[in-house]
């Protein structure tokens, strides 16, 4: 009976260690996803600024050509 209980305890310890490792891994994945999201948002802002600059330049060029 004692061996059975020790076997169960060992299995519980192994499961606990695996769950802790999985939690650490998932935190790493979540942190990576946050970093990717931040980078994507920065790229979007840059693209919007670039597009606004192009539109502004085109509008100024059009005005100059028509005056």
Protein backbone atom coordinates (compact mmCIF):
# COMPACT_ATOMS: atom_id res chain seq x y z
CA UNK A 1 0.00 0.00 0.00
CA UNK A 2 2.85 2.35 0.87
CA UNK A 3 4.46 1.87 -2.55
CA UNK A 4 1.18 2.70 -4.24
CA UNK A 5 0.87 5.92 -2.26
CA UNK A 6 4.51 6.81 -3.00
CA UNK A 7 3.85 6.15 -6.69
CA UNK A 8 0.82 8.43 -6.62
CA UNK A 9 2.80 11.13 -4.77
CA UNK A 10 5.59 10.88 -7.33
CA UNK A 11 3.09 11.19 -10.17
CA UNK A 12 1.52 14.25 -8.54
CA UNK A 13 4.97 15.86 -8.16
CA UNK A 14 5.80 15.18 -11.81
CA UNK A 15 2.46 16.56 -12.92
CA UNK A 16 2.97 19.66 -10.78
CA UNK A 17 6.42 20.24 -12.32
CA UNK A 18 5.00 19.83 -15.82
CA UNK A 19 2.17 22.27 -15.08
CA UNK A 20 4.65 24.85 -13.72
CA UNK A 21 6.79 24.51 -16.84
CA UNK A 22 3.72 24.87 -19.05
CA UNK A 23 2.72 28.03 -17.16
CA UNK A 24 6.20 29.52 -17.69
CA UNK A 25 6.05 28.62 -21.35
CA UNK A 26 2.61 30.16 -21.77
CA UNK A 27 3.80 33.35 -20.08
CA UNK A 28 6.63 33.51 -22.60
CA UNK A 29 4.17 33.08 -25.45
CA UNK A 30 1.92 35.80 -24.01
CA UNK A 31 4.87 38.17 -23.63
CA UNK A 32 5.93 37.50 -27.22
CA UNK A 33 2.40 38.15 -28.46
CA UNK A 34 2.31 41.47 -26.58
CA UNK A 35 5.61 42.45 -28.17
CA UNK A 36 4.33 41.57 -31.62
CA UNK A 37 1.16 43.55 -31.03
CA UNK A 38 3.13 46.60 -29.90
CA UNK A 39 5.37 46.36 -32.95
CA UNK A 40 2.36 46.01 -35.23
CA UNK A 41 0.72 49.07 -33.69
CA UNK A 42 3.92 51.08 -34.17
CA UNK A 43 4.14 49.97 -37.80
CA UNK A 44 0.51 50.95 -38.36
CA UNK A 45 1.10 54.41 -36.91
CA UNK A 46 4.18 54.86 -39.10
CA UNK A 47 2.28 53.75 -42.21
CA UNK A 48 -0.55 56.19 -41.41
CA UNK A 49 1.93 59.05 -40.96
CA UNK A 50 3.61 58.16 -44.24
CA UNK A 51 0.28 58.03 -46.06
CA UNK A 52 -0.74 61.41 -44.63
CA UNK A 53 2.58 62.89 -45.73
CA UNK A 54 2.16 61.53 -49.24
CA UNK A 55 -1.39 62.88 -49.46
CA UNK A 56 -0.21 66.27 -48.21
CA UNK A 57 2.66 66.36 -50.72
CA UNK A 58 0.33 65.39 -53.56
CA UNK A 59 -2.19 68.05 -52.54
CA UNK A 60 0.50 70.73 -52.40
CA UNK A 61 1.89 69.65 -55.78
CA UNK A 62 -1.59 69.73 -57.29
CA UNK A 63 -2.26 73.23 -55.91
CA UNK A 64 1.08 74.53 -57.21
CA UNK A 65 0.44 73.04 -60.65
CA UNK A 66 -2.98 74.68 -60.88
CA UNK A 67 -1.91 78.20 -59.85
